[in-house]
Protein backbone atom coordinates (compact mmCIF):
# COMPACT_ATOMS: atom_id res chain seq x y z
CA UNK A 1 3.69 11.37 10.11
CA UNK A 2 0.79 9.97 8.04
CA UNK A 3 -2.85 9.56 8.97
CA UNK A 4 -4.38 6.64 7.04
CA UNK A 5 -7.95 5.64 6.27
CA UNK A 6 -8.07 1.91 5.54
CA UNK A 7 -11.09 0.20 4.04
CA UNK A 8 -11.99 -2.91 2.09
CA UNK A 9 -14.84 -4.70 0.40
CA UNK A 10 -16.86 -1.67 -0.65
CA UNK A 11 -18.41 -3.77 -3.47
CA UNK A 12 -19.41 -0.77 -5.61
CA UNK A 13 -21.10 0.98 -2.69
CA UNK A 14 -20.24 4.61 -2.00
CA UNK A 15 -21.23 5.97 1.39
CA UNK A 16 -21.18 9.78 1.44
CA UNK A 17 -19.73 9.54 4.98
CA UNK A 18 -16.50 8.13 3.51
CA UNK A 19 -15.57 11.69 2.56
CA UNK A 20 -15.95 12.93 6.15
CA UNK A 21 -13.70 10.19 7.49
CA UNK A 22 -11.16 10.69 4.70
CA UNK A 23 -10.91 14.46 5.16
CA UNK A 24 -8.45 14.48 8.13
CA UNK A 25 -6.32 11.73 6.56
CA UNK A 26 -3.23 11.97 4.38
CA UNK A 27 -3.81 8.77 2.40
CA UNK A 28 -6.52 6.20 1.60
CA UNK A 29 -5.69 2.50 1.41
CA UNK A 30 -8.19 -0.01 -0.01
CA UNK A 31 -7.66 -3.74 0.54
CA UNK A 32 -9.65 -4.89 -2.49
CA UNK A 33 -13.12 -5.65 -3.84
CA UNK A 34 -13.84 -2.09 -4.91
CA UNK A 35 -15.94 -3.46 -7.79
CA UNK A 36 -16.26 0.02 -9.30
CA UNK A 37 -13.74 1.91 -11.39
CA UNK A 38 -15.74 5.11 -10.76
CA UNK A 39 -15.36 4.70 -7.01
CA UNK A 40 -11.62 4.07 -7.34
CA UNK A 41 -11.42 7.39 -9.22
CA UNK A 42 -13.46 9.12 -6.51
CA UNK A 43 -11.00 7.94 -3.87
CA UNK A 44 -8.06 9.06 -6.05
CA UNK A 45 -9.57 12.52 -6.38
CA UNK A 46 -9.84 12.92 -2.60
CA UNK A 47 -6.37 11.88 -1.39
CA UNK A 48 -3.36 9.82 -2.43
CA UNK A 49 -4.78 6.32 -2.93
CA UNK A 50 -3.24 2.85 -2.75
CA UNK A 51 -5.24 -0.27 -3.49
CA UNK A 52 -5.05 -3.92 -4.46
CA UNK A 53 -7.54 -5.76 -6.60
CA UNK A 54 -9.81 -8.28 -4.96
CA UNK A 55 -11.42 -11.47 -6.20
CA UNK A 56 -14.59 -9.56 -7.23
CA UNK A 57 -12.77 -6.78 -9.08
CA UNK A 58 -13.10 -6.87 -12.85
CA UNK A 59 -10.69 -6.40 -15.73
CA UNK A 60 -10.26 -2.62 -15.64
CA UNK A 61 -9.50 -2.59 -11.90
CA UNK A 62 -7.17 -5.58 -12.31
CA UNK A 63 -5.22 -3.71 -14.99
CA UNK A 64 -4.77 -0.69 -12.71
CA UNK A 65 -4.32 -2.25 -9.27
CA UNK A 66 -2.01 -5.17 -8.45
CA UNK A 67 -2.94 -8.30 -6.52
CA UNK A 68 -0.16 -7.60 -4.02
CA UNK A 69 1.27 -4.25 -3.04
CA UNK A 70 4.34 -3.63 -0.91
CA UNK A 71 5.77 -0.25 0.05
CA UNK A 72 7.31 1.69 2.90
CA UNK A 73 5.29 4.29 4.78
CA UNK A 74 7.54 6.30 7.06
CA UNK A 75 9.66 3.52 8.67
CA UNK A 76 6.98 0.82 8.39
CA UNK A 77 7.17 -1.86 5.71
CA UNK A 78 3.62 -2.45 4.46
CA UNK A 79 2.23 -5.46 2.59
CA UNK A 80 -1.35 -5.49 1.30
CA UNK A 81 -3.18 -8.41 -0.33
CA UNK A 82 -6.94 -8.90 -0.56
CA UNK A 83 -7.09 -12.63 0.25
CA UNK A 84 -4.52 -13.21 2.93
CA UNK A 85 -5.96 -14.65 6.10
CA UNK A 86 -4.69 -13.61 9.52
CA UNK A 87 -2.03 -14.67 12.05
CA UNK A 88 -2.18 -18.40 12.59
CA UNK A 89 -4.48 -18.83 9.58
CA UNK A 90 -2.76 -17.25 6.61
CA UNK A 91 -3.98 -18.08 3.13
CA UNK A 92 -1.40 -20.19 1.26
CA UNK A 93 -1.29 -17.55 -1.50
CA UNK A 94 0.04 -14.99 1.00
CA UNK A 95 2.71 -17.04 2.79
CA UNK A 96 5.62 -16.33 0.45
CA UNK A 97 4.93 -12.57 0.61
CA UNK A 98 4.72 -12.71 4.40
CA UNK A 99 7.99 -14.65 4.60
CA UNK A 100 9.64 -11.96 2.46
CA UNK A 101 8.13 -9.25 4.66
CA UNK A 102 9.48 -10.93 7.81
CA UNK A 103 13.01 -10.85 6.37
CA UNK A 104 13.04 -7.07 5.89
CA UNK A 105 15.16 -4.88 8.13
CA UNK A 106 12.25 -2.51 8.71
CA UNK A 107 11.67 -1.06 12.16
CA UNK A 108 8.03 -2.16 11.96
CA UNK A 109 5.89 -4.32 9.68
CA UNK A 110 2.22 -4.07 8.76
CA UNK A 111 0.19 -6.64 6.85
CA UNK A 112 -3.23 -5.64 5.50
CA UNK A 113 -5.84 -7.95 4.06
CA UNK A 114 -9.54 -7.85 3.32
CA UNK A 115 -11.93 -10.45 1.86
CA UNK A 116 -13.38 -11.98 5.04
CA UNK A 117 -15.56 -8.96 5.90
CA UNK A 118 -14.40 -9.55 9.49
CA UNK A 119 -12.70 -6.68 11.31
CA UNK A 120 -9.51 -8.00 12.89
CA UNK A 121 -6.42 -6.37 14.35
CA UNK A 122 -3.85 -8.82 15.63
CA UNK A 123 -0.09 -8.87 16.20
CA UNK A 124 1.83 -11.85 14.85
CA UNK A 125 4.84 -12.41 17.15
CA UNK A 126 6.38 -14.99 14.80
CA UNK A 127 6.60 -12.48 11.94
CA UNK A 128 6.91 -9.42 14.22
CA UNK A 129 4.09 -7.91 12.20
CA UNK A 130 0.80 -6.16 12.91
CA UNK A 131 -2.10 -7.49 10.86
CA UNK A 132 -5.17 -5.34 10.09
CA UNK A 133 -8.30 -6.39 8.24
CA UNK A 134 -10.64 -3.38 8.23
CA UNK A 135 -13.76 -5.49 7.72
CA UNK A 136 -16.23 -4.51 5.02
CA UNK A 137 -17.36 -0.97 4.18
CA UNK A 138 -19.92 -1.99 1.57
CA UNK A 139 -23.42 -3.46 1.72
CA UNK A 140 -22.67 -6.85 0.16
CA UNK A 141 -21.98 -9.69 2.58
CA UNK A 142 -23.22 -11.04 5.85
CA UNK A 143 -21.54 -8.55 8.21
CA UNK A 144 -23.87 -6.81 10.63
CA UNK A 145 -21.74 -3.68 10.96
CA UNK A 146 -19.82 -1.93 8.18
CA UNK A 147 -16.38 -0.78 9.32
CA UNK A 148 -13.40 1.39 8.38
CA UNK A 149 -10.12 1.75 10.24
CA UNK A 150 -8.14 4.93 10.74
CA UNK A 151 -4.64 5.05 12.21
CA UNK A 152 -1.41 7.01 12.32
CA UNK A 153 2.03 5.95 11.18
CA UNK A 154 4.71 8.11 12.77
CA UNK A 155 8.21 6.91 11.91
CA UNK A 156 8.08 3.28 13.16
CA UNK A 157 5.02 3.72 15.37
CA UNK A 158 1.59 2.52 14.30
CA UNK A 159 -0.79 4.20 16.72
CA UNK A 160 -4.12 5.92 17.33
CA UNK A 161 -6.01 3.06 15.71
CA UNK A 162 -9.69 3.89 15.46
CA UNK A 163 -12.49 1.59 14.32
CA UNK A 164 -15.31 3.46 12.59
CA UNK A 165 -18.70 1.78 12.49
CA UNK A 166 -20.98 2.97 9.71
CA UNK A 167 -24.28 1.38 10.78
């Protein structure tokens, strides 16, 4: 069983409260636009850390973090890409990765994206995949409320999803 803190679009902003929300978690996942190598290191020092680079991430972050990341957590096949869209409105750059994800024999599938700054959790019945965009945790952007998402992966179950509002 893994407890995950998922965030995106921090845009070089570090909120001291991140640490409180990370503490009960096993891993931190960041869906891009960290915009700060120092903050990436801070996350890595707290817990195991997985991240993708976003469109605003510079050279050093792009050398360290891939544009697309795919792995298995427990029995869930996970795909993460910063610019990806959401069910019914996927970005063309994500479609081939999503098609590959849909072909896996995994018990459950999870697709994570960021970029829009819009919190969205939606199941895609066509791909048999849960999509999560955690919204934006940083100050840059037009969002009124900064958000993080915490959830549990237990074998093939994705559960206990919690939206954390930082404003």
